[in-house]
Amino acid sequence: MPERGHRYRLKPRVWYRAPWVATLVVVGFIAVLAVVLVIPVWATSTPRYCMSCKATKPAGLAWETSTHAKVSCTKCHVPPGLSNAIKWRSREWLNIWADYLNMPRVPTKGQRPGNANCLKCHTLNRIPGQNGSVRMPHEVHVDLRNLTCADCHDQVAHPKPGKVSGVSMAVCSMCHNTQGAPSQCDFCHITPPSKNVHPKDYLQTHGKEALVDQAACFRCHHDKKQFCDACHARPTPDHFSDTWRYRHGPTAKKDPLSCTGCHDSKVFCAQCHQVQHPADWVTTHGAVAKLSSGACLVCHPQAMCDRCHEQRGVKL
């Protein structure tokens, strides 16, 4: 009798159904997911990612020298909460792949640290209301004026070169001068500042320093109109002389700081002192002077014109 068992003999399993193939597919899927999603998420958590952009690199270099150098960028610049983290990382994830694929990036805008970011580490009720000789109740200011920590402490994480990271009084003057808040020094300063904080020659030398860092002056003298203009709006009597613009040279050479206290030498003085006339200007300037005789008198006195024309026998 013919054998019937061959009708039920099992066929060999094809190679793509082997267990090792399924394992390889799973491992490959996880690897691709890590490359596409996990690695960009990890990369965006590092400060080096932020510093890779030319626009934010200076801020990153300043951050490395600050007291917040061990605090990552995302802890300050990404609002707390899972939804905010997902939103920010999704946008950056798209931008990373947009760079690789040479596609337009998703528009981004820097997020200023909010109070919620700062309060993850700093608690308002634990900050003393008095720091040294200055009275500053933080909780009252935040609740009363809706201020953010960054409004006052804007130099903590990204200090500017050559400047202290402390709080400038220019911020205080926004309210303690024009918005009805008390402006008396002893309202905040428990110990009044010394009256001799400036050197003896400061009236002559402060102009140069003010041009470099005007905000440093406003830490104490926070009203430009009342304090600075009250003095600078009254120039010395010799300024009212008709010939002052032609005779100020000796005075400026003797005491240049007396000029630069009000005038910027690179802008104001250069308007006359850096004018370059053509080599043949002596013989060709007549046609220009006829169009506007007053143009020459901006820098040159009339006596100079008269003396030169008289010597050369040329009538004006």
C-alpha atoms as a PDB file:
ATOM      1  CA  MET A   1       0.000   0.000   0.000  1.00  0.00           C
ATOM      2  CA  PRO A   2       1.293   3.526  -0.735  1.00  0.00           C
ATOM      3  CA  GLU A   3       2.598   5.557   2.171  1.00  0.00           C
ATOM      4  CA  ARG A   4       0.408   8.471   3.273  1.00  0.00           C
ATOM      5  CA  GLY A   5       2.732  10.141   5.815  1.00  0.00           C
ATOM      6  CA  HIS A   6       4.363  12.350   3.235  1.00  0.00           C
ATOM      7  CA  ARG A   7       1.188  14.393   2.959  1.00  0.00           C
ATOM      8  CA  TYR A   8       1.722  15.731   6.513  1.00  0.00           C
ATOM      9  CA  ARG A   9       5.537  16.214   6.470  1.00  0.00           C
ATOM     10  CA  LEU A  10       6.553  19.700   7.862  1.00  0.00           C
ATOM     11  CA  LYS A  11       8.333  22.006   5.455  1.00  0.00           C
ATOM     12  CA  PRO A  12      11.514  23.866   6.586  1.00  0.00           C
ATOM     13  CA  ARG A  13      10.824  27.414   8.007  1.00  0.00           C
ATOM     14  CA  VAL A  14      11.766  30.195   5.618  1.00  0.00           C
ATOM     15  CA  TRP A  15      14.715  32.334   6.738  1.00  0.00           C
ATOM     16  CA  TYR A  16      12.765  35.564   7.306  1.00  0.00           C
ATOM     17  CA  ARG A  17      10.622  33.802   9.918  1.00  0.00           C
ATOM     18  CA  ALA A  18      13.604  32.788  11.985  1.00  0.00           C
ATOM     19  CA  PRO A  19      13.754  34.156  15.573  1.00  0.00           C
ATOM     20  CA  TRP A  20      17.092  35.859  14.972  1.00  0.00           C
ATOM     21  CA  VAL A  21      15.549  37.937  12.177  1.00  0.00           C
ATOM     22  CA  ALA A  22      12.801  39.238  14.461  1.00  0.00           C
ATOM     23  CA  THR A  23      15.394  40.061  17.092  1.00  0.00           C
ATOM     24  CA  LEU A  24      17.503  41.922  14.524  1.00  0.00           C
ATOM     25  CA  VAL A  25      14.455  43.922  13.371  1.00  0.00           C
ATOM     26  CA  VAL A  26      13.614  44.962  16.940  1.00  0.00           C
ATOM     27  CA  VAL A  27      17.220  45.975  17.655  1.00  0.00           C
ATOM     28  CA  GLY A  28      17.376  47.918  14.390  1.00  0.00           C
ATOM     29  CA  PHE A  29      14.102  49.693  15.167  1.00  0.00           C
ATOM     30  CA  ILE A  30      15.389  50.718  18.600  1.00  0.00           C
ATOM     31  CA  ALA A  31      18.654  51.929  17.080  1.00  0.00           C
ATOM     32  CA  VAL A  32      16.847  54.011  14.465  1.00  0.00           C
ATOM     33  CA  LEU A  33      14.536  55.437  17.151  1.00  0.00           C
ATOM     34  CA  ALA A  34      17.581  56.371  19.240  1.00  0.00           C
ATOM     35  CA  VAL A  35      19.228  58.128  16.308  1.00  0.00           C
ATOM     36  CA  VAL A  36      16.071  59.930  15.172  1.00  0.00           C
ATOM     37  CA  LEU A  37      14.566  60.850  18.532  1.00  0.00           C
ATOM     38  CA  VAL A  38      16.589  60.017  21.635  1.00  0.00           C
ATOM     39  CA  ILE A  39      19.950  61.428  20.557  1.00  0.00           C
ATOM     40  CA  PRO A  40      18.515  64.851  19.546  1.00  0.00           C
ATOM     41  CA  VAL A  41      16.649  65.010  22.860  1.00  0.00           C
ATOM     42  CA  TRP A  42      19.876  64.243  24.732  1.00  0.00           C
ATOM     43  CA  ALA A  43      21.847  66.736  22.627  1.00  0.00           C
ATOM     44  CA  THR A  44      19.425  69.593  23.271  1.00  0.00           C
ATOM     45  CA  SER A  45      19.875  69.106  27.008  1.00  0.00           C
ATOM     46  CA  THR A  46      23.552  70.068  26.859  1.00  0.00           C
ATOM     47  CA  PRO A  47      24.857  73.659  26.938  1.00  0.00           C
ATOM     48  CA  ARG A  48      27.121  72.842  24.003  1.00  0.00           C
ATOM     49  CA  TYR A  49      24.038  72.582  21.808  1.00  0.00           C
ATOM     50  CA  CYS A  50      23.065  76.184  22.610  1.00  0.00           C
ATOM     51  CA  MET A  51      26.640  77.404  22.170  1.00  0.00           C
ATOM     52  CA  SER A  52      26.846  75.831  18.728  1.00  0.00           C
ATOM     53  CA  CYS A  53      24.854  78.788  17.375  1.00  0.00           C
ATOM     54  CA  LYS A  54      26.826  81.948  16.574  1.00  0.00           C
ATOM     55  CA  ALA A  55      24.082  84.168  17.995  1.00  0.00           C
ATOM     56  CA  THR A  56      24.106  82.526  21.432  1.00  0.00           C
ATOM     57  CA  LYS A  57      27.781  81.610  21.704  1.00  0.00           C
ATOM     58  CA  PRO A  58      28.772  84.897  23.459  1.00  0.00           C
ATOM     59  CA  ALA A  59      26.044  84.291  26.044  1.00  0.00           C
ATOM     60  CA  GLY A  60      27.320  80.751  26.507  1.00  0.00           C
ATOM     61  CA  LEU A  61      30.896  81.893  27.070  1.00  0.00           C
ATOM     62  CA  ALA A  62      29.678  84.404  29.651  1.00  0.00           C
ATOM     63  CA  TRP A  63      27.599  81.667  31.303  1.00  0.00           C
ATOM     64  CA  GLU A  64      30.726  79.537  31.780  1.00  0.00           C
ATOM     65  CA  THR A  65      32.211  82.249  34.032  1.00  0.00           C
ATOM     66  CA  SER A  66      29.027  82.916  36.014  1.00  0.00           C
ATOM     67  CA  THR A  67      27.740  81.580  39.323  1.00  0.00           C
ATOM     68  CA  HIS A  68      25.184  79.549  37.341  1.00  0.00           C
ATOM     69  CA  ALA A  69      27.796  77.681  35.301  1.00  0.00           C
ATOM     70  CA  LYS A  70      26.571  74.334  36.671  1.00  0.00           C
ATOM     71  CA  VAL A  71      22.927  75.040  35.777  1.00  0.00           C
ATOM     72  CA  SER A  72      21.927  73.891  32.285  1.00  0.00           C
ATOM     73  CA  CYS A  73      20.360  76.267  29.795  1.00  0.00           C
ATOM     74  CA  THR A  74      17.075  74.346  29.680  1.00  0.00           C
ATOM     75  CA  LYS A  75      16.499  74.697  33.419  1.00  0.00           C
ATOM     76  CA  CYS A  76      16.325  78.459  33.009  1.00  0.00           C
ATOM     77  CA  HIS A  77      15.097  79.061  29.466  1.00  0.00           C
ATOM     78  CA  VAL A  78      12.474  76.312  29.112  1.00  0.00           C
ATOM     79  CA  PRO A  79       9.376  76.883  31.292  1.00  0.00           C
ATOM     80  CA  PRO A  80       8.733  74.101  33.815  1.00  0.00           C
ATOM     81  CA  GLY A  81       6.237  71.385  32.941  1.00  0.00           C
ATOM     82  CA  LEU A  82       6.117  68.334  30.701  1.00  0.00           C
ATOM     83  CA  SER A  83       4.104  70.044  27.964  1.00  0.00           C
ATOM     84  CA  ASN A  84       6.607  72.918  27.700  1.00  0.00           C
ATOM     85  CA  ALA A  85       9.521  70.476  27.572  1.00  0.00           C
ATOM     86  CA  ILE A  86       7.844  68.443  24.815  1.00  0.00           C
ATOM     87  CA  LYS A  87       6.983  71.568  22.835  1.00  0.00           C
ATOM     88  CA  TRP A  88      10.523  72.957  23.013  1.00  0.00           C
ATOM     89  CA  ARG A  89      12.282  69.658  22.310  1.00  0.00           C
ATOM     90  CA  SER A  90       9.959  68.889  19.408  1.00  0.00           C
ATOM     91  CA  ARG A  91      10.808  72.190  17.786  1.00  0.00           C
ATOM     92  CA  GLU A  92      14.535  71.685  18.299  1.00  0.00           C
ATOM     93  CA  TRP A  93      14.269  68.092  17.079  1.00  0.00           C
ATOM     94  CA  LEU A  94      12.781  69.368  13.833  1.00  0.00           C
ATOM     95  CA  ASN A  95      15.493  72.020  13.546  1.00  0.00           C
ATOM     96  CA  ILE A  96      18.274  69.470  13.977  1.00  0.00           C
ATOM     97  CA  TRP A  97      16.988  67.361  11.123  1.00  0.00           C
ATOM     98  CA  ALA A  98      16.187  70.440   9.066  1.00  0.00           C
ATOM     99  CA  ASP A  99      19.885  71.353   9.238  1.00  0.00           C
ATOM    100  CA  TYR A 100      20.952  67.885   8.112  1.00  0.00           C
ATOM    101  CA  LEU A 101      18.405  67.811   5.290  1.00  0.00           C
ATOM    102  CA  ASN A 102      19.092  71.424   4.244  1.00  0.00           C
ATOM    103  CA  MET A 103      15.501  72.473   4.869  1.00  0.00           C
ATOM    104  CA  PRO A 104      14.069  75.678   6.419  1.00  0.00           C
ATOM    105  CA  ARG A 105      14.232  75.757  10.206  1.00  0.00           C
ATOM    106  CA  VAL A 106      11.261  76.248  12.504  1.00  0.00           C
ATOM    107  CA  PRO A 107      11.344  79.873  13.768  1.00  0.00           C
ATOM    108  CA  THR A 108      12.518  80.118  17.371  1.00  0.00           C
ATOM    109  CA  LYS A 109      12.691  82.947  19.872  1.00  0.00           C
ATOM    110  CA  GLY A 110      14.720  83.007  23.061  1.00  0.00           C
ATOM    111  CA  GLN A 111      12.679  82.447  26.187  1.00  0.00           C
ATOM    112  CA  ARG A 112      13.540  84.807  29.049  1.00  0.00           C
ATOM    113  CA  PRO A 113      13.728  82.972  32.392  1.00  0.00           C
ATOM    114  CA  GLY A 114      10.483  83.279  34.314  1.00  0.00           C
ATOM    115  CA  ASN A 115       9.959  83.242  38.053  1.00  0.00           C
ATOM    116  CA  ALA A 116       8.845  79.617  37.903  1.00  0.00           C
ATOM    117  CA  ASN A 117      12.292  78.648  36.606  1.00  0.00           C
ATOM    118  CA  CYS A 118      14.128  80.524  39.344  1.00  0.00           C
ATOM    119  CA  LEU A 119      11.824  79.311  42.114  1.00  0.00           C
ATOM    120  CA  LYS A 120      12.737  75.702  41.376  1.00  0.00           C
ATOM    121  CA  CYS A 121      15.984  76.422  43.252  1.00  0.00           C
ATOM    122  CA  HIS A 122      15.334  79.704  45.074  1.00  0.00           C
ATOM    123  CA  THR A 123      12.398  80.130  47.452  1.00  0.00           C
ATOM    124  CA  LEU A 124      11.093  83.644  48.032  1.00  0.00           C
ATOM    125  CA  ASN A 125      10.246  83.153  51.681  1.00  0.00           C
ATOM    126  CA  ARG A 126      13.799  81.979  52.369  1.00  0.00           C
ATOM    127  CA  ILE A 127      15.485  85.021  50.816  1.00  0.00           C
ATOM    128  CA  PRO A 128      16.246  87.519  53.596  1.00  0.00           C
ATOM    129  CA  GLY A 129      14.559  90.904  53.317  1.00  0.00           C
ATOM    130  CA  GLN A 130      17.822  92.603  54.203  1.00  0.00           C
ATOM    131  CA  ASN A 131      21.118  91.993  52.460  1.00  0.00           C
ATOM    132  CA  GLY A 132      23.953  93.805  54.174  1.00  0.00           C
ATOM    133  CA  SER A 133      22.961  97.449  54.408  1.00  0.00           C
ATOM    134  CA  VAL A 134      20.181  97.289  51.787  1.00  0.00           C
ATOM    135  CA  ARG A 135      16.549  96.485  52.563  1.00  0.00           C
ATOM    136  CA  MET A 136      14.901  94.478  49.773  1.00  0.00           C
ATOM    137  CA  PRO A 137      11.816  92.310  50.515  1.00  0.00           C
ATOM    138  CA  HIS A 138      11.698  90.114  47.375  1.00  0.00           C
ATOM    139  CA  GLU A 139       8.280  88.598  47.945  1.00  0.00           C
ATOM    140  CA  VAL A 140       6.662  92.018  48.308  1.00  0.00           C
ATOM    141  CA  HIS A 141       8.167  93.262  45.044  1.00  0.00           C
ATOM    142  CA  VAL A 142       7.125  90.199  43.060  1.00  0.00           C
ATOM    143  CA  ASP A 143       3.565  90.345  44.357  1.00  0.00           C
ATOM    144  CA  LEU A 144       3.210  94.126  44.175  1.00  0.00           C
ATOM    145  CA  ARG A 145       4.782  94.958  40.831  1.00  0.00           C
ATOM    146  CA  ASN A 146       4.616  91.588  39.069  1.00  0.00           C
ATOM    147  CA  LEU A 147       8.382  91.684  38.622  1.00  0.00           C
ATOM    148  CA  THR A 148      10.447  88.746  37.455  1.00  0.00           C
ATOM    149  CA  CYS A 149      13.742  87.718  38.993  1.00  0.00           C
ATOM    150  CA  ALA A 150      15.476  88.468  35.689  1.00  0.00           C
ATOM    151  CA  ASP A 151      14.288  92.087  35.802  1.00  0.00           C
ATOM    152  CA  CYS A 152      16.827  92.779  38.539  1.00  0.00           C
ATOM    153  CA  HIS A 153      19.251  89.855  38.336  1.00  0.00           C
ATOM    154  CA  ASP A 154      19.917  90.132  34.611  1.00  0.00           C
ATOM    155  CA  GLN A 155      23.701  89.735  34.977  1.00  0.00           C
ATOM    156  CA  VAL A 156      23.731  86.598  37.128  1.00  0.00           C
ATOM    157  CA  ALA A 157      23.933  83.937  34.410  1.00  0.00           C
ATOM    158  CA  HIS A 158      25.379  86.032  31.570  1.00  0.00           C
ATOM    159  CA  PRO A 159      27.636  88.730  33.058  1.00  0.00           C
ATOM    160  CA  LYS A 160      29.088  91.274  30.675  1.00  0.00           C
ATOM    161  CA  PRO A 161      32.894  91.523  30.534  1.00  0.00           C
ATOM    162  CA  GLY A 162      34.290  93.992  33.016  1.00  0.00           C
ATOM    163  CA  LYS A 163      31.000  94.500  34.842  1.00  0.00           C
ATOM    164  CA  VAL A 164      29.858  93.273  38.217  1.00  0.00           C
ATOM    165  CA  SER A 165      26.997  90.803  38.363  1.00  0.00           C
ATOM    166  CA  GLY A 166      25.181  92.680  41.102  1.00  0.00           C
ATOM    167  CA  VAL A 167      21.872  94.542  40.829  1.00  0.00           C
ATOM    168  CA  SER A 168      22.004  98.017  39.342  1.00  0.00           C
ATOM    169  CA  MET A 169      20.028 100.832  40.912  1.00  0.00           C
ATOM    170  CA  ALA A 170      18.885 101.755  37.426  1.00  0.00           C
ATOM    171  CA  VAL A 171      16.316  98.969  37.816  1.00  0.00           C
ATOM    172  CA  CYS A 172      15.149 100.319  41.181  1.00  0.00           C
ATOM    173  CA  SER A 173      14.658 103.784  39.741  1.00  0.00           C
ATOM    174  CA  MET A 174      11.977 102.505  37.374  1.00  0.00           C
ATOM    175  CA  CYS A 175       9.605 102.585  40.344  1.00  0.00           C
ATOM    176  CA  HIS A 176      11.425 104.447  43.115  1.00  0.00           C
ATOM    177  CA  ASN A 177      11.457 107.681  41.217  1.00  0.00           C
ATOM    178  CA  THR A 178       8.775 108.082  38.581  1.00  0.00           C
ATOM    179  CA  GLN A 179       6.115 105.529  39.560  1.00  0.00           C
ATOM    180  CA  GLY A 180       5.211 106.870  42.989  1.00  0.00           C
ATOM    181  CA  ALA A 181       7.381 104.555  45.109  1.00  0.00           C
ATOM    182  CA  PRO A 182       9.411 106.257  47.863  1.00  0.00           C
ATOM    183  CA  SER A 183      12.654 107.711  46.537  1.00  0.00           C
ATOM    184  CA  GLN A 184      14.411 108.565  49.802  1.00  0.00           C
ATOM    185  CA  CYS A 185      17.803 106.842  50.101  1.00  0.00           C
ATOM    186  CA  ASP A 186      17.126 105.608  53.645  1.00  0.00           C
ATOM    187  CA  PHE A 187      13.974 103.819  52.484  1.00  0.00           C
ATOM    188  CA  CYS A 188      16.191 101.034  51.100  1.00  0.00           C
ATOM    189  CA  HIS A 189      19.680 101.902  52.338  1.00  0.00           C
ATOM    190  CA  ILE A 190      19.847 101.194  56.056  1.00  0.00           C
ATOM    191  CA  THR A 191      23.364 102.614  56.151  1.00  0.00           C
ATOM    192  CA  PRO A 192      23.557 105.740  53.950  1.00  0.00           C
ATOM    193  CA  PRO A 193      26.300 105.595  51.313  1.00  0.00           C
ATOM    194  CA  SER A 194      29.458 107.572  51.965  1.00  0.00           C
ATOM    195  CA  LYS A 195      29.499 111.150  50.770  1.00  0.00           C
ATOM    196  CA  ASN A 196      33.068 110.811  49.537  1.00  0.00           C
ATOM    197  CA  VAL A 197      32.525 107.962  47.082  1.00  0.00           C
ATOM    198  CA  HIS A 198      34.020 109.962  44.205  1.00  0.00           C
ATOM    199  CA  PRO A 199      37.628 111.199  43.898  1.00  0.00           C
ATOM    200  CA  LYS A 200      38.328 114.912  44.244  1.00  0.00           C
ATOM    201  CA  ASP A 201      38.723 115.486  40.501  1.00  0.00           C
ATOM    202  CA  TYR A 202      35.563 113.583  39.599  1.00  0.00           C
ATOM    203  CA  LEU A 203      33.809 116.642  38.202  1.00  0.00           C
ATOM    204  CA  GLN A 204      36.515 116.805  35.546  1.00  0.00           C
ATOM    205  CA  THR A 205      36.913 113.053  34.951  1.00  0.00           C
ATOM    206  CA  HIS A 206      33.401 111.622  35.241  1.00  0.00           C
ATOM    207  CA  GLY A 207      32.466 112.414  31.651  1.00  0.00           C
ATOM    208  CA  LYS A 208      34.796 109.820  30.161  1.00  0.00           C
ATOM    209  CA  GLU A 209      33.598 107.134  32.570  1.00  0.00           C
ATOM    210  CA  ALA A 210      29.959 108.031  31.955  1.00  0.00           C
ATOM    211  CA  LEU A 211      30.402 107.565  28.217  1.00  0.00           C
ATOM    212  CA  VAL A 212      31.809 104.064  28.811  1.00  0.00           C
ATOM    213  CA  ASP A 213      29.149 102.900  31.271  1.00  0.00           C
ATOM    214  CA  GLN A 214      26.306 105.339  31.853  1.00  0.00           C
ATOM    215  CA  ALA A 215      24.326 102.724  33.790  1.00  0.00           C
ATOM    216  CA  ALA A 216      26.976 102.807  36.521  1.00  0.00           C
ATOM    217  CA  CYS A 217      26.120 106.463  37.180  1.00  0.00           C
ATOM    218  CA  PHE A 218      22.398 105.724  37.338  1.00  0.00           C
ATOM    219  CA  ARG A 219      22.905 103.259  40.193  1.00  0.00           C
ATOM    220  CA  CYS A 220      22.762 106.339  42.424  1.00  0.00           C
ATOM    221  CA  HIS A 221      21.912 109.268  40.169  1.00  0.00           C
ATOM    222  CA  HIS A 222      18.915 107.619  38.600  1.00  0.00           C
ATOM    223  CA  ASP A 223      17.183 110.703  37.215  1.00  0.00           C
ATOM    224  CA  LYS A 224      19.022 112.026  34.163  1.00  0.00           C
ATOM    225  CA  LYS A 225      16.688 114.956  33.703  1.00  0.00           C
ATOM    226  CA  GLN A 226      16.937 116.196  37.271  1.00  0.00           C
ATOM    227  CA  PHE A 227      20.533 115.324  38.045  1.00  0.00           C
ATOM    228  CA  CYS A 228      22.616 115.289  34.841  1.00  0.00           C
ATOM    229  CA  ASP A 229      20.723 117.858  32.802  1.00  0.00           C
ATOM    230  CA  ALA A 230      20.589 120.280  35.712  1.00  0.00           C
ATOM    231  CA  CYS A 231      24.354 120.698  35.320  1.00  0.00           C
ATOM    232  CA  HIS A 232      25.017 119.855  31.691  1.00  0.00           C
ATOM    233  CA  ALA A 233      22.247 122.135  30.428  1.00  0.00           C
ATOM    234  CA  ARG A 234      24.248 125.094  31.734  1.00  0.00           C
ATOM    235  CA  PRO A 235      27.512 125.296  29.765  1.00  0.00           C
ATOM    236  CA  THR A 236      30.307 127.604  30.858  1.00  0.00           C
ATOM    237  CA  PRO A 237      29.909 131.296  29.904  1.00  0.00           C
ATOM    238  CA  ASP A 238      32.636 131.135  27.250  1.00  0.00           C
ATOM    239  CA  HIS A 239      30.432 128.754  25.251  1.00  0.00           C
ATOM    240  CA  PHE A 240      28.141 131.692  24.477  1.00  0.00           C
ATOM    241  CA  SER A 241      30.950 133.617  22.758  1.00  0.00           C
ATOM    242  CA  ASP A 242      30.571 133.991  18.993  1.00  0.00           C
ATOM    243  CA  THR A 243      34.159 132.823  18.530  1.00  0.00           C
ATOM    244  CA  TRP A 244      34.162 129.879  20.941  1.00  0.00           C
ATOM    245  CA  ARG A 245      34.163 127.285  18.183  1.00  0.00           C
ATOM    246  CA  TYR A 246      37.335 128.844  16.819  1.00  0.00           C
ATOM    247  CA  ARG A 247      39.078 129.535  20.142  1.00  0.00           C
ATOM    248  CA  HIS A 248      38.311 126.353  22.067  1.00  0.00           C
ATOM    249  CA  GLY A 249      41.470 124.572  20.864  1.00  0.00           C
ATOM    250  CA  PRO A 250      43.860 125.721  23.637  1.00  0.00           C
ATOM    251  CA  THR A 251      41.255 124.983  26.309  1.00  0.00           C
ATOM    252  CA  ALA A 252      40.577 121.535  24.876  1.00  0.00           C
ATOM    253  CA  LYS A 253      44.298 120.705  24.750  1.00  0.00           C
ATOM    254  CA  LYS A 254      44.815 121.860  28.327  1.00  0.00           C
ATOM    255  CA  ASP A 255      41.842 119.980  29.759  1.00  0.00           C
ATOM    256  CA  PRO A 256      40.314 117.580  27.180  1.00  0.00           C
ATOM    257  CA  LEU A 257      38.099 115.920  29.799  1.00  0.00           C
ATOM    258  CA  SER A 258      36.249 119.185  30.247  1.00  0.00           C
ATOM    259  CA  CYS A 259      35.035 118.753  26.660  1.00  0.00           C
ATOM    260  CA  THR A 260      34.423 115.004  26.572  1.00  0.00           C
ATOM    261  CA  GLY A 261      32.256 115.264  29.673  1.00  0.00           C
ATOM    262  CA  CYS A 262      29.513 116.436  27.326  1.00  0.00           C
ATOM    263  CA  HIS A 263      30.797 115.824  23.810  1.00  0.00           C
ATOM    264  CA  ASP A 264      31.762 112.483  22.302  1.00  0.00           C
ATOM    265  CA  SER A 265      35.096 113.031  20.559  1.00  0.00           C
ATOM    266  CA  LYS A 266      34.455 110.227  18.064  1.00  0.00           C
ATOM    267  CA  VAL A 267      31.129 111.698  16.960  1.00  0.00           C
ATOM    268  CA  PHE A 268      30.854 115.372  17.891  1.00  0.00           C
ATOM    269  CA  CYS A 269      34.450 116.559  17.547  1.00  0.00           C
ATOM    270  CA  ALA A 270      35.096 114.449  14.463  1.00  0.00           C
ATOM    271  CA  GLN A 271      32.479 116.441  12.532  1.00  0.00           C
ATOM    272  CA  CYS A 272      35.108 119.169  12.088  1.00  0.00           C
ATOM    273  CA  HIS A 273      38.425 117.697  13.126  1.00  0.00           C
ATOM    274  CA  GLN A 274      38.354 114.738  10.756  1.00  0.00           C
ATOM    275  CA  VAL A 275      37.167 116.524   7.604  1.00  0.00           C
ATOM    276  CA  GLN A 276      39.572 115.787   4.765  1.00  0.00           C
ATOM    277  CA  HIS A 277      39.742 118.395   1.987  1.00  0.00           C
ATOM    278  CA  PRO A 278      41.183 117.524  -1.441  1.00  0.00           C
ATOM    279  CA  ALA A 279      44.837 118.378  -2.098  1.00  0.00           C
ATOM    280  CA  ASP A 280      43.856 121.260  -4.429  1.00  0.00           C
ATOM    281  CA  TRP A 281      41.216 122.618  -2.069  1.00  0.00           C
ATOM    282  CA  VAL A 282      42.949 126.013  -1.666  1.00  0.00           C
ATOM    283  CA  THR A 283      42.465 126.777  -5.350  1.00  0.00           C
ATOM    284  CA  THR A 284      39.119 125.045  -5.878  1.00  0.00           C
ATOM    285  CA  HIS A 285      37.093 125.815  -2.771  1.00  0.00           C
ATOM    286  CA  GLY A 286      35.844 129.136  -4.078  1.00  0.00           C
ATOM    287  CA  ALA A 287      33.079 127.601  -6.172  1.00  0.00           C
ATOM    288  CA  VAL A 288      31.819 125.629  -3.187  1.00  0.00           C
ATOM    289  CA  ALA A 289      31.983 128.645  -0.880  1.00  0.00           C
ATOM    290  CA  LYS A 290      29.862 130.687  -3.310  1.00  0.00           C
ATOM    291  CA  LEU A 291      27.085 128.120  -3.032  1.00  0.00           C
ATOM    292  CA  SER A 292      27.003 128.458   0.763  1.00  0.00           C
ATOM    293  CA  SER A 293      29.367 130.849   2.468  1.00  0.00           C
ATOM    294  CA  GLY A 294      28.162 129.684   5.869  1.00  0.00           C
ATOM    295  CA  ALA A 295      29.376 126.120   5.234  1.00  0.00           C
ATOM    296  CA  CYS A 296      33.004 127.203   5.670  1.00  0.00           C
ATOM    297  CA  LEU A 297      32.228 129.144   8.824  1.00  0.00           C
ATOM    298  CA  VAL A 298      31.069 125.996  10.604  1.00  0.00           C
ATOM    299  CA  CYS A 299      34.733 125.207  11.236  1.00  0.00           C
ATOM    300  CA  HIS A 300      36.732 128.245  10.093  1.00  0.00           C
ATOM    301  CA  PRO A 301      36.385 131.788  11.536  1.00  0.00           C
ATOM    302  CA  GLN A 302      35.683 134.674   9.172  1.00  0.00           C
ATOM    303  CA  ALA A 303      38.973 136.285  10.220  1.00  0.00           C
ATOM    304  CA  MET A 304      40.850 133.296   8.812  1.00  0.00           C
ATOM    305  CA  CYS A 305      39.142 133.679   5.446  1.00  0.00           C
ATOM    306  CA  ASP A 306      39.747 137.437   5.407  1.00  0.00           C
ATOM    307  CA  ARG A 307      43.442 137.091   6.308  1.00  0.00           C
ATOM    308  CA  CYS A 308      44.124 134.464   3.621  1.00  0.00           C
ATOM    309  CA  HIS A 309      42.255 136.316   0.887  1.00  0.00           C
ATOM    310  CA  GLU A 310      44.011 139.573   1.802  1.00  0.00           C
ATOM    311  CA  GLN A 311      47.424 137.899   1.570  1.00  0.00           C
ATOM    312  CA  ARG A 312      46.636 136.441  -1.825  1.00  0.00           C
ATOM    313  CA  GLY A 313      44.904 139.571  -3.136  1.00  0.00           C
ATOM    314  CA  VAL A 314      41.601 137.778  -3.745  1.00  0.00           C
ATOM    315  CA  LYS A 315      38.338 139.567  -3.020  1.00  0.00           C
ATOM    316  CA  LEU A 316      35.526 137.777  -1.207  1.00  0.00           C
END
